[in-house]
Amino acid sequence: MTTRLLLPALLLCLPIAACTAPDSGKGKAPADQSAAAPATSALDTDSIGKTVQEATDKARREIAQGNISISNGKSPKAEISPQGDLLIDGKAVPVDAHQRALLQDYRKQVESLASAGMEIGVAGANLGVKAAGEAIKGMFSGDTQGIEARVNEEARKIEGQAQKLCGLLPGMMARQQALAAALPAFQPYATMDQKDIDDCGK
């Protein structure tokens, strides 16, 4: 699914958080280290957060304006256009008004799922920045107590977002099955089943 591609890409921002923050003090120790660390962390957090947000906004625009791939790796390449066209190997499959409406409805559900996945990706990147910042402050101040607890608290919020994403899957499967029943050309791409929903919860 689309989110399986988007989420790992966004989570690549996590190592950036770990690598960027310490560099600002490289080669020169500040006179007041305990005071300098929070400012450095805040600066890096803003920079990385902005980069992640820009990437997310760009991905949303591309999803809204471009074709969405529904290929499964076994059947010929297939996409759904913003206008509700089903393209297989680049050629439009003839559809009537009802089938087009189903294609557009299914596409909207894919967009919603992708958007939810991106939100989790942004939260994960922010958590990486926060964890790096907490570690840096702990090194400078010598106070490392409670870092793990604070990071775990943020991680639980991400888990809650993931559960919301899983909540979109039953509706997506229902739309996929309705579309497959109405449009035979779509049937090879209707591969979602109950196991996908159950596995998401795990």
N, C-alpha and C. Protein backbone atom coordinates (compact mmCIF):
# COMPACT_ATOMS: atom_id res chain seq x y z
N MET A 1 0.84 -1.19 0.00
CA MET A 1 0.00 0.00 0.00
C MET A 1 0.88 1.24 0.00
N THR A 2 0.28 2.39 -0.31
CA THR A 2 1.02 3.63 -0.42
C THR A 2 1.78 3.95 0.85
N THR A 3 1.14 3.77 2.01
CA THR A 3 1.78 4.12 3.26
C THR A 3 3.01 3.28 3.54
N ARG A 4 3.08 2.08 2.99
CA ARG A 4 4.26 1.25 3.21
C ARG A 4 5.49 1.86 2.57
N LEU A 5 5.29 2.70 1.57
CA LEU A 5 6.40 3.38 0.91
C LEU A 5 6.68 4.72 1.58
N LEU A 6 5.64 5.44 1.97
CA LEU A 6 5.81 6.77 2.52
C LEU A 6 6.39 6.76 3.92
N LEU A 7 5.90 5.85 4.75
CA LEU A 7 6.30 5.87 6.14
C LEU A 7 7.79 5.62 6.34
N PRO A 8 8.38 4.58 5.70
CA PRO A 8 9.82 4.40 5.87
C PRO A 8 10.62 5.61 5.39
N ALA A 9 10.15 6.25 4.32
CA ALA A 9 10.88 7.41 3.81
C ALA A 9 10.90 8.54 4.83
N LEU A 10 9.76 8.76 5.47
CA LEU A 10 9.70 9.82 6.46
C LEU A 10 10.52 9.47 7.70
N LEU A 11 10.52 8.20 8.06
CA LEU A 11 11.25 7.79 9.24
C LEU A 11 12.77 7.83 9.04
N LEU A 12 13.22 8.03 7.80
CA LEU A 12 14.64 8.23 7.56
C LEU A 12 15.13 9.51 8.24
N CYS A 13 14.20 10.37 8.61
CA CYS A 13 14.58 11.60 9.30
C CYS A 13 15.10 11.32 10.71
N LEU A 14 14.81 10.15 11.27
CA LEU A 14 15.24 9.83 12.62
C LEU A 14 16.76 9.90 12.79
N PRO A 15 17.56 9.24 11.91
CA PRO A 15 19.00 9.36 12.10
C PRO A 15 19.52 10.77 11.90
N ILE A 16 18.82 11.59 11.11
CA ILE A 16 19.23 12.98 10.96
C ILE A 16 19.22 13.68 12.30
N ALA A 17 18.20 13.36 13.10
CA ALA A 17 18.09 13.98 14.42
C ALA A 17 19.28 13.62 15.29
N ALA A 18 19.69 12.37 15.22
CA ALA A 18 20.79 11.92 16.05
C ALA A 18 22.12 12.50 15.59
N CYS A 19 22.28 12.74 14.29
CA CYS A 19 23.56 13.19 13.75
C CYS A 19 23.71 14.70 13.75
N THR A 20 22.61 15.43 13.61
CA THR A 20 22.71 16.86 13.42
C THR A 20 23.00 17.61 14.71
N ALA A 21 22.31 17.24 15.76
CA ALA A 21 22.38 18.03 16.98
C ALA A 21 23.78 18.13 17.57
N PRO A 22 24.57 17.05 17.68
CA PRO A 22 25.87 17.19 18.31
C PRO A 22 26.85 18.01 17.49
N ASP A 23 26.69 18.15 16.17
CA ASP A 23 27.68 18.80 15.32
C ASP A 23 27.85 20.28 15.61
N SER A 24 26.80 20.92 16.14
CA SER A 24 26.85 22.36 16.30
C SER A 24 27.94 22.78 17.28
N GLY A 25 28.36 21.88 18.15
CA GLY A 25 29.38 22.23 19.11
C GLY A 25 30.73 21.63 18.78
N LYS A 26 30.88 21.06 17.60
CA LYS A 26 32.09 20.34 17.21
C LYS A 26 33.29 21.28 17.17
N GLY A 27 34.35 20.88 17.86
CA GLY A 27 35.61 21.61 17.80
C GLY A 27 35.70 22.78 18.76
N LYS A 28 34.59 23.12 19.42
CA LYS A 28 34.64 24.27 20.31
C LYS A 28 33.61 24.09 21.40
N ALA A 29 34.06 24.02 22.64
CA ALA A 29 33.16 23.85 23.77
C ALA A 29 32.64 25.20 24.21
N PRO A 30 31.35 25.37 24.44
CA PRO A 30 30.82 26.65 24.88
C PRO A 30 31.23 26.94 26.31
N ALA A 31 31.27 28.22 26.64
CA ALA A 31 31.68 28.62 27.98
C ALA A 31 30.71 28.08 29.01
N ASP A 32 29.41 28.16 28.70
CA ASP A 32 28.38 27.65 29.60
C ASP A 32 27.66 26.52 28.90
N GLN A 33 28.14 25.29 29.10
CA GLN A 33 27.62 24.17 28.33
C GLN A 33 26.18 23.87 28.66
N SER A 34 25.80 23.94 29.92
CA SER A 34 24.44 23.60 30.31
C SER A 34 23.44 24.57 29.71
N ALA A 35 23.86 25.81 29.49
CA ALA A 35 22.96 26.80 28.90
C ALA A 35 22.89 26.66 27.39
N ALA A 36 24.01 26.21 26.79
CA ALA A 36 24.06 26.16 25.33
C ALA A 36 23.30 24.98 24.77
N ALA A 37 23.25 23.86 25.47
CA ALA A 37 22.65 22.64 24.93
C ALA A 37 21.18 22.79 24.57
N PRO A 38 20.33 23.35 25.44
CA PRO A 38 18.92 23.48 25.07
C PRO A 38 18.72 24.34 23.84
N ALA A 39 19.50 25.43 23.70
CA ALA A 39 19.34 26.31 22.54
C ALA A 39 19.70 25.57 21.26
N THR A 40 20.80 24.81 21.31
CA THR A 40 21.21 24.03 20.15
C THR A 40 20.15 23.03 19.76
N SER A 41 19.61 22.32 20.76
CA SER A 41 18.59 21.31 20.48
C SER A 41 17.35 21.94 19.89
N ALA A 42 16.97 23.11 20.41
CA ALA A 42 15.77 23.77 19.91
C ALA A 42 15.96 24.19 18.45
N LEU A 43 17.17 24.69 18.12
CA LEU A 43 17.44 25.10 16.76
C LEU A 43 17.36 23.92 15.81
N ASP A 44 17.96 22.80 16.19
CA ASP A 44 17.95 21.63 15.33
C ASP A 44 16.54 21.07 15.19
N THR A 45 15.79 21.09 16.27
CA THR A 45 14.41 20.61 16.23
C THR A 45 13.59 21.40 15.23
N ASP A 46 13.73 22.71 15.26
CA ASP A 46 12.98 23.56 14.33
C ASP A 46 13.36 23.25 12.89
N SER A 47 14.67 23.11 12.64
CA SER A 47 15.16 22.87 11.29
C SER A 47 14.69 21.54 10.74
N ILE A 48 14.83 20.49 11.54
CA ILE A 48 14.43 19.16 11.09
C ILE A 48 12.92 19.07 10.96
N GLY A 49 12.20 19.67 11.92
CA GLY A 49 10.75 19.66 11.85
C GLY A 49 10.23 20.34 10.61
N LYS A 50 10.87 21.44 10.23
CA LYS A 50 10.47 22.16 9.02
C LYS A 50 10.73 21.31 7.78
N THR A 51 11.88 20.62 7.75
CA THR A 51 12.22 19.77 6.61
C THR A 51 11.22 18.64 6.45
N VAL A 52 10.88 18.01 7.56
CA VAL A 52 9.91 16.91 7.52
C VAL A 52 8.54 17.41 7.06
N GLN A 53 8.12 18.57 7.58
CA GLN A 53 6.82 19.11 7.22
C GLN A 53 6.76 19.45 5.74
N GLU A 54 7.85 20.01 5.20
CA GLU A 54 7.88 20.35 3.78
C GLU A 54 7.78 19.09 2.92
N ALA A 55 8.49 18.04 3.33
CA ALA A 55 8.44 16.78 2.59
C ALA A 55 7.04 16.18 2.64
N THR A 56 6.39 16.29 3.80
CA THR A 56 5.05 15.76 3.96
C THR A 56 4.05 16.52 3.10
N ASP A 57 4.16 17.84 3.10
CA ASP A 57 3.26 18.67 2.29
C ASP A 57 3.42 18.35 0.80
N LYS A 58 4.67 18.16 0.37
CA LYS A 58 4.92 17.82 -1.02
C LYS A 58 4.31 16.47 -1.37
N ALA A 59 4.46 15.49 -0.47
CA ALA A 59 3.90 14.16 -0.72
C ALA A 59 2.38 14.22 -0.80
N ARG A 60 1.75 15.02 0.05
CA ARG A 60 0.29 15.16 0.01
C ARG A 60 -0.17 15.75 -1.33
N ARG A 61 0.56 16.76 -1.80
CA ARG A 61 0.19 17.37 -3.08
C ARG A 61 0.31 16.35 -4.22
N GLU A 62 1.37 15.57 -4.19
CA GLU A 62 1.59 14.58 -5.24
C GLU A 62 0.50 13.50 -5.22
N ILE A 63 0.08 13.10 -4.03
CA ILE A 63 -0.98 12.10 -3.92
C ILE A 63 -2.30 12.67 -4.43
N ALA A 64 -2.59 13.93 -4.07
CA ALA A 64 -3.86 14.54 -4.46
C ALA A 64 -3.93 14.82 -5.96
N GLN A 65 -2.80 15.15 -6.56
CA GLN A 65 -2.80 15.59 -7.95
C GLN A 65 -2.37 14.52 -8.95
N GLY A 66 -1.70 13.48 -8.50
CA GLY A 66 -1.17 12.48 -9.41
C GLY A 66 -1.94 11.17 -9.36
N ASN A 67 -1.53 10.23 -10.18
CA ASN A 67 -2.12 8.90 -10.16
C ASN A 67 -1.65 8.13 -8.93
N ILE A 68 -2.54 7.32 -8.38
CA ILE A 68 -2.19 6.49 -7.23
C ILE A 68 -2.01 5.05 -7.71
N SER A 69 -0.85 4.49 -7.39
CA SER A 69 -0.57 3.11 -7.81
C SER A 69 -1.31 2.12 -6.92
N ILE A 70 -1.93 1.12 -7.56
CA ILE A 70 -2.57 0.04 -6.81
C ILE A 70 -1.95 -1.30 -7.21
N SER A 71 -0.78 -1.25 -7.81
CA SER A 71 -0.11 -2.46 -8.28
C SER A 71 0.22 -3.37 -7.10
N ASN A 72 0.19 -4.67 -7.36
CA ASN A 72 0.46 -5.65 -6.30
C ASN A 72 1.72 -6.46 -6.56
N GLY A 73 2.45 -6.14 -7.62
CA GLY A 73 3.69 -6.84 -7.91
C GLY A 73 3.51 -8.10 -8.72
N LYS A 74 2.28 -8.55 -8.88
CA LYS A 74 2.00 -9.77 -9.64
C LYS A 74 1.27 -9.47 -10.94
N SER A 75 0.29 -8.60 -10.86
CA SER A 75 -0.50 -8.23 -12.04
C SER A 75 0.14 -7.04 -12.74
N PRO A 76 -0.31 -6.70 -13.95
CA PRO A 76 0.24 -5.53 -14.65
C PRO A 76 0.08 -4.25 -13.83
N LYS A 77 0.93 -3.28 -14.10
CA LYS A 77 0.89 -2.01 -13.38
C LYS A 77 -0.50 -1.38 -13.50
N ALA A 78 -1.02 -0.92 -12.37
CA ALA A 78 -2.35 -0.30 -12.36
C ALA A 78 -2.34 0.96 -11.51
N GLU A 79 -3.11 1.96 -11.95
CA GLU A 79 -3.20 3.23 -11.24
C GLU A 79 -4.63 3.75 -11.30
N ILE A 80 -4.95 4.60 -10.35
CA ILE A 80 -6.23 5.31 -10.37
C ILE A 80 -5.92 6.80 -10.46
N SER A 81 -6.48 7.47 -11.46
CA SER A 81 -6.22 8.89 -11.67
C SER A 81 -7.12 9.73 -10.77
N PRO A 82 -6.81 11.02 -10.59
CA PRO A 82 -7.69 11.89 -9.80
C PRO A 82 -9.11 11.98 -10.37
N GLN A 83 -9.25 11.73 -11.68
CA GLN A 83 -10.57 11.79 -12.31
C GLN A 83 -11.35 10.49 -12.19
N GLY A 84 -10.73 9.48 -11.56
CA GLY A 84 -11.42 8.20 -11.39
C GLY A 84 -11.23 7.26 -12.55
N ASP A 85 -10.18 7.44 -13.32
CA ASP A 85 -9.85 6.49 -14.39
C ASP A 85 -9.04 5.34 -13.81
N LEU A 86 -9.30 4.13 -14.28
CA LEU A 86 -8.47 2.98 -13.95
C LEU A 86 -7.52 2.74 -15.12
N LEU A 87 -6.23 2.88 -14.86
CA LEU A 87 -5.21 2.72 -15.89
C LEU A 87 -4.45 1.43 -15.65
N ILE A 88 -4.46 0.54 -16.62
CA ILE A 88 -3.70 -0.70 -16.54
C ILE A 88 -2.69 -0.70 -17.68
N ASP A 89 -1.42 -0.80 -17.30
CA ASP A 89 -0.34 -0.68 -18.29
C ASP A 89 -0.45 0.63 -19.07
N GLY A 90 -0.91 1.68 -18.39
CA GLY A 90 -1.00 3.00 -19.00
C GLY A 90 -2.24 3.24 -19.84
N LYS A 91 -3.08 2.22 -20.00
CA LYS A 91 -4.28 2.35 -20.83
C LYS A 91 -5.53 2.41 -19.95
N ALA A 92 -6.43 3.35 -20.28
CA ALA A 92 -7.65 3.51 -19.49
C ALA A 92 -8.62 2.37 -19.76
N VAL A 93 -9.14 1.80 -18.68
CA VAL A 93 -10.17 0.77 -18.78
C VAL A 93 -11.53 1.46 -18.92
N PRO A 94 -12.35 1.09 -19.88
CA PRO A 94 -13.69 1.70 -19.99
C PRO A 94 -14.50 1.49 -18.71
N VAL A 95 -15.06 2.58 -18.18
CA VAL A 95 -15.89 2.49 -16.98
C VAL A 95 -17.14 3.33 -17.16
N ASP A 96 -18.23 2.92 -16.49
CA ASP A 96 -19.44 3.73 -16.52
C ASP A 96 -19.44 4.67 -15.31
N ALA A 97 -20.48 5.45 -15.18
CA ALA A 97 -20.54 6.46 -14.12
C ALA A 97 -20.47 5.83 -12.73
N HIS A 98 -21.16 4.69 -12.54
CA HIS A 98 -21.16 4.02 -11.23
C HIS A 98 -19.77 3.50 -10.89
N GLN A 99 -19.11 2.88 -11.85
CA GLN A 99 -17.76 2.36 -11.61
C GLN A 99 -16.77 3.49 -11.33
N ARG A 100 -16.91 4.60 -12.04
CA ARG A 100 -16.03 5.74 -11.81
C ARG A 100 -16.22 6.30 -10.40
N ALA A 101 -17.47 6.35 -9.96
CA ALA A 101 -17.75 6.85 -8.61
C ALA A 101 -17.10 5.94 -7.56
N LEU A 102 -17.15 4.63 -7.79
CA LEU A 102 -16.53 3.68 -6.86
C LEU A 102 -15.00 3.85 -6.87
N LEU A 103 -14.44 4.06 -8.04
CA LEU A 103 -12.99 4.27 -8.15
C LEU A 103 -12.56 5.53 -7.40
N GLN A 104 -13.34 6.60 -7.55
CA GLN A 104 -13.00 7.84 -6.86
C GLN A 104 -13.16 7.69 -5.34
N ASP A 105 -14.17 6.97 -4.91
CA ASP A 105 -14.39 6.74 -3.49
C ASP A 105 -13.23 5.91 -2.89
N TYR A 106 -12.83 4.88 -3.63
CA TYR A 106 -11.72 4.04 -3.17
C TYR A 106 -10.43 4.84 -3.12
N ARG A 107 -10.23 5.67 -4.12
CA ARG A 107 -9.03 6.52 -4.15
C ARG A 107 -8.98 7.45 -2.94
N LYS A 108 -10.11 8.03 -2.58
CA LYS A 108 -10.15 8.91 -1.41
C LYS A 108 -9.75 8.16 -0.15
N GLN A 109 -10.19 6.90 -0.05
CA GLN A 109 -9.83 6.10 1.12
C GLN A 109 -8.32 5.83 1.15
N VAL A 110 -7.73 5.57 -0.02
CA VAL A 110 -6.28 5.37 -0.09
C VAL A 110 -5.56 6.66 0.33
N GLU A 111 -6.07 7.80 -0.11
CA GLU A 111 -5.48 9.09 0.26
C GLU A 111 -5.54 9.29 1.78
N SER A 112 -6.69 8.94 2.37
CA SER A 112 -6.84 9.09 3.82
C SER A 112 -5.84 8.21 4.57
N LEU A 113 -5.67 6.99 4.08
CA LEU A 113 -4.73 6.07 4.71
C LEU A 113 -3.29 6.59 4.58
N ALA A 114 -2.96 7.09 3.40
CA ALA A 114 -1.62 7.64 3.18
C ALA A 114 -1.37 8.85 4.07
N SER A 115 -2.39 9.71 4.19
CA SER A 115 -2.25 10.90 5.04
C SER A 115 -2.04 10.51 6.50
N ALA A 116 -2.79 9.51 6.96
CA ALA A 116 -2.62 9.04 8.33
C ALA A 116 -1.22 8.47 8.53
N GLY A 117 -0.73 7.74 7.54
CA GLY A 117 0.62 7.20 7.62
C GLY A 117 1.68 8.28 7.68
N MET A 118 1.47 9.36 6.93
CA MET A 118 2.42 10.47 6.95
C MET A 118 2.42 11.17 8.31
N GLU A 119 1.25 11.30 8.92
CA GLU A 119 1.18 11.92 10.24
C GLU A 119 2.00 11.10 11.24
N ILE A 120 1.92 9.78 11.14
CA ILE A 120 2.70 8.93 12.02
C ILE A 120 4.19 9.10 11.72
N GLY A 121 4.53 9.23 10.44
CA GLY A 121 5.92 9.46 10.07
C GLY A 121 6.46 10.75 10.65
N VAL A 122 5.67 11.82 10.58
CA VAL A 122 6.08 13.11 11.14
C VAL A 122 6.26 12.98 12.66
N ALA A 123 5.31 12.31 13.31
CA ALA A 123 5.40 12.13 14.76
C ALA A 123 6.65 11.32 15.12
N GLY A 124 6.96 10.30 14.31
CA GLY A 124 8.14 9.50 14.56
C GLY A 124 9.42 10.31 14.40
N ALA A 125 9.47 11.14 13.37
CA ALA A 125 10.64 12.00 13.17
C ALA A 125 10.79 12.99 14.33
N ASN A 126 9.68 13.58 14.75
CA ASN A 126 9.73 14.51 15.88
C ASN A 126 10.17 13.81 17.16
N LEU A 127 9.75 12.56 17.31
CA LEU A 127 10.17 11.81 18.49
C LEU A 127 11.68 11.56 18.45
N GLY A 128 12.21 11.27 17.27
CA GLY A 128 13.65 11.09 17.14
C GLY A 128 14.41 12.35 17.52
N VAL A 129 13.91 13.50 17.08
CA VAL A 129 14.52 14.78 17.42
C VAL A 129 14.45 15.02 18.92
N LYS A 130 13.29 14.72 19.49
CA LYS A 130 13.10 14.94 20.93
C LYS A 130 14.05 14.05 21.74
N ALA A 131 14.17 12.78 21.33
CA ALA A 131 15.04 11.86 22.04
C ALA A 131 16.49 12.33 21.97
N ALA A 132 16.91 12.79 20.77
CA ALA A 132 18.28 13.30 20.63
C ALA A 132 18.49 14.52 21.50
N GLY A 133 17.51 15.42 21.50
CA GLY A 133 17.62 16.63 22.31
C GLY A 133 17.69 16.32 23.79
N GLU A 134 16.87 15.37 24.24
CA GLU A 134 16.90 14.98 25.64
C GLU A 134 18.26 14.39 26.02
N ALA A 135 18.82 13.56 25.12
CA ALA A 135 20.11 12.94 25.39
C ALA A 135 21.22 14.00 25.48
N ILE A 136 21.16 14.98 24.55
CA ILE A 136 22.17 16.04 24.56
C ILE A 136 22.09 16.85 25.85
N LYS A 137 20.89 17.24 26.23
CA LYS A 137 20.73 18.01 27.46
C LYS A 137 21.21 17.22 28.66
N GLY A 138 20.94 15.89 28.62
CA GLY A 138 21.40 15.05 29.73
C GLY A 138 22.91 15.00 29.82
N MET A 139 23.58 14.98 28.67
CA MET A 139 25.06 14.94 28.66
C MET A 139 25.64 16.24 29.22
N PHE A 140 25.04 17.35 28.84
CA PHE A 140 25.57 18.63 29.28
C PHE A 140 25.25 18.91 30.75
N SER A 141 24.08 18.52 31.17
CA SER A 141 23.66 18.84 32.54
C SER A 141 23.99 17.74 33.53
N GLY A 142 24.24 16.52 33.03
CA GLY A 142 24.48 15.40 33.92
C GLY A 142 23.21 14.80 34.48
N ASP A 143 22.06 15.34 34.07
CA ASP A 143 20.77 14.84 34.55
C ASP A 143 20.14 13.95 33.48
N THR A 144 20.28 12.66 33.64
CA THR A 144 19.72 11.72 32.67
C THR A 144 18.48 11.01 33.20
N GLN A 145 18.05 11.38 34.39
CA GLN A 145 16.88 10.74 34.98
C GLN A 145 15.61 11.16 34.24
N GLY A 146 14.78 10.20 33.95
CA GLY A 146 13.47 10.48 33.38
C GLY A 146 13.45 10.62 31.88
N ILE A 147 14.62 10.55 31.21
CA ILE A 147 14.65 10.70 29.75
C ILE A 147 13.82 9.60 29.09
N GLU A 148 14.07 8.36 29.49
CA GLU A 148 13.36 7.24 28.88
C GLU A 148 11.86 7.35 29.08
N ALA A 149 11.46 7.76 30.29
CA ALA A 149 10.02 7.88 30.58
C ALA A 149 9.37 8.94 29.71
N ARG A 150 10.07 10.07 29.52
CA ARG A 150 9.50 11.15 28.71
C ARG A 150 9.38 10.72 27.24
N VAL A 151 10.41 10.02 26.74
CA VAL A 151 10.37 9.56 25.36
C VAL A 151 9.29 8.50 25.17
N ASN A 152 9.16 7.60 26.12
CA ASN A 152 8.14 6.55 26.03
C ASN A 152 6.73 7.13 26.06
N GLU A 153 6.57 8.22 26.79
CA GLU A 153 5.25 8.88 26.83
C GLU A 153 4.87 9.39 25.44
N GLU A 154 5.83 9.97 24.74
CA GLU A 154 5.58 10.44 23.38
C GLU A 154 5.33 9.26 22.44
N ALA A 155 6.05 8.15 22.66
CA ALA A 155 5.89 6.98 21.80
C ALA A 155 4.48 6.40 21.94
N ARG A 156 3.93 6.47 23.12
CA ARG A 156 2.56 5.96 23.32
C ARG A 156 1.55 6.79 22.52
N LYS A 157 1.82 8.07 22.36
CA LYS A 157 0.93 8.91 21.55
C LYS A 157 0.96 8.45 20.08
N ILE A 158 2.16 8.08 19.60
CA ILE A 158 2.28 7.59 18.24
C ILE A 158 1.54 6.27 18.08
N GLU A 159 1.59 5.44 19.10
CA GLU A 159 0.86 4.18 19.05
C GLU A 159 -0.64 4.44 18.89
N GLY A 160 -1.13 5.47 19.58
CA GLY A 160 -2.54 5.82 19.45
C GLY A 160 -2.89 6.25 18.04
N GLN A 161 -1.97 6.99 17.39
CA GLN A 161 -2.19 7.40 16.00
C GLN A 161 -2.21 6.17 15.07
N ALA A 162 -1.35 5.21 15.38
CA ALA A 162 -1.30 4.00 14.56
C ALA A 162 -2.61 3.22 14.67
N GLN A 163 -3.19 3.21 15.84
CA GLN A 163 -4.47 2.51 16.02
C GLN A 163 -5.57 3.19 15.20
N LYS A 164 -5.51 4.51 15.09
CA LYS A 164 -6.48 5.23 14.26
C LYS A 164 -6.31 4.85 12.80
N LEU A 165 -5.05 4.69 12.37
CA LEU A 165 -4.80 4.26 10.99
C LEU A 165 -5.41 2.88 10.76
N CYS A 166 -5.21 1.99 11.70
CA CYS A 166 -5.78 0.64 11.57
C CYS A 166 -7.30 0.69 11.47
N GLY A 167 -7.89 1.69 12.12
CA GLY A 167 -9.34 1.83 12.08
C GLY A 167 -9.88 2.17 10.71
N LEU A 168 -9.00 2.65 9.81
CA LEU A 168 -9.43 2.97 8.45
C LEU A 168 -9.49 1.74 7.55
N LEU A 169 -8.84 0.66 7.95
CA LEU A 169 -8.71 -0.50 7.08
C LEU A 169 -10.02 -1.23 6.78
N PRO A 170 -10.92 -1.42 7.76
CA PRO A 170 -12.18 -2.10 7.41
C PRO A 170 -12.96 -1.37 6.32
N GLY A 171 -13.01 -0.04 6.39
CA GLY A 171 -13.70 0.73 5.36
C GLY A 171 -13.01 0.61 4.02
N MET A 172 -11.69 0.54 4.06
CA MET A 172 -10.95 0.39 2.81
C MET A 172 -11.22 -0.96 2.17
N MET A 173 -11.27 -2.02 2.99
CA MET A 173 -11.52 -3.35 2.44
C MET A 173 -12.93 -3.43 1.87
N ALA A 174 -13.90 -2.82 2.53
CA ALA A 174 -15.27 -2.82 2.04
C ALA A 174 -15.36 -2.12 0.68
N ARG A 175 -14.68 -0.99 0.55
CA ARG A 175 -14.68 -0.27 -0.73
C ARG A 175 -13.97 -1.08 -1.81
N GLN A 176 -12.89 -1.74 -1.43
CA GLN A 176 -12.15 -2.54 -2.39
C GLN A 176 -13.00 -3.70 -2.92
N GLN A 177 -13.72 -4.34 -2.03
CA GLN A 177 -14.56 -5.47 -2.44
C GLN A 177 -15.72 -5.01 -3.31
N ALA A 178 -16.32 -3.86 -2.96
CA ALA A 178 -17.43 -3.32 -3.76
C ALA A 178 -16.95 -2.96 -5.16
N LEU A 179 -15.75 -2.39 -5.24
CA LEU A 179 -15.19 -2.01 -6.54
C LEU A 179 -14.86 -3.25 -7.37
N ALA A 180 -14.31 -4.27 -6.74
CA ALA A 180 -13.97 -5.50 -7.45
C ALA A 180 -15.22 -6.19 -7.99
N ALA A 181 -16.32 -6.12 -7.23
CA ALA A 181 -17.56 -6.74 -7.67
C ALA A 181 -18.16 -5.99 -8.87
N ALA A 182 -17.95 -4.68 -8.92
CA ALA A 182 -18.54 -3.86 -9.98
C ALA A 182 -17.66 -3.74 -11.21
N LEU A 183 -16.34 -3.96 -11.03
CA LEU A 183 -15.40 -3.74 -12.13
C LEU A 183 -14.43 -4.92 -12.22
N PRO A 184 -14.69 -5.88 -13.09
CA PRO A 184 -13.85 -7.07 -13.19
C PRO A 184 -12.36 -6.79 -13.39
N ALA A 185 -12.03 -5.73 -14.13
CA ALA A 185 -10.62 -5.42 -14.38
C ALA A 185 -9.86 -5.07 -13.10
N PHE A 186 -10.60 -4.66 -12.06
CA PHE A 186 -9.98 -4.29 -10.79
C PHE A 186 -9.75 -5.50 -9.89
N GLN A 187 -10.43 -6.60 -10.15
CA GLN A 187 -10.40 -7.75 -9.25
C GLN A 187 -9.01 -8.25 -8.89
N PRO A 188 -8.05 -8.32 -9.83
CA PRO A 188 -6.71 -8.81 -9.45
C PRO A 188 -6.00 -7.93 -8.42
N TYR A 189 -6.48 -6.69 -8.26
CA TYR A 189 -5.83 -5.75 -7.35
C TYR A 189 -6.55 -5.66 -6.00
N ALA A 190 -7.62 -6.41 -5.86
CA ALA A 190 -8.37 -6.42 -4.61
C ALA A 190 -7.84 -7.55 -3.73
N THR A 191 -6.65 -7.36 -3.18
CA THR A 191 -5.96 -8.43 -2.46
C THR A 191 -6.07 -8.31 -0.93
N MET A 192 -6.68 -7.25 -0.46
CA MET A 192 -6.78 -7.05 0.98
C MET A 192 -7.76 -8.03 1.59
N ASP A 193 -7.42 -8.55 2.79
CA ASP A 193 -8.33 -9.46 3.48
C ASP A 193 -8.32 -9.16 4.98
N GLN A 194 -9.07 -9.93 5.73
CA GLN A 194 -9.22 -9.69 7.16
C GLN A 194 -7.88 -9.81 7.89
N LYS A 195 -6.99 -10.65 7.40
CA LYS A 195 -5.69 -10.82 8.04
C LYS A 195 -4.91 -9.51 8.05
N ASP A 196 -5.03 -8.72 6.98
CA ASP A 196 -4.36 -7.43 6.94
C ASP A 196 -4.84 -6.53 8.07
N ILE A 197 -6.13 -6.56 8.31
CA ILE A 197 -6.71 -5.73 9.38
C ILE A 197 -6.24 -6.23 10.74
N ASP A 198 -6.27 -7.55 10.94
CA ASP A 198 -5.84 -8.13 12.21
C ASP A 198 -4.36 -7.87 12.48
N ASP A 199 -3.56 -8.00 11.44
CA ASP A 199 -2.11 -7.80 11.61
C ASP A 199 -1.78 -6.34 11.92
N CYS A 200 -2.57 -5.41 11.39
CA CYS A 200 -2.34 -3.99 11.67
C CYS A 200 -2.49 -3.72 13.16
N GLY A 201 -3.48 -4.32 13.78
CA GLY A 201 -3.69 -4.14 15.22
C GLY A 201 -2.56 -4.66 16.07
N LYS A 202 -1.81 -5.61 15.53
CA LYS A 202 -0.69 -6.19 16.29
C LYS A 202 0.56 -5.31 16.20
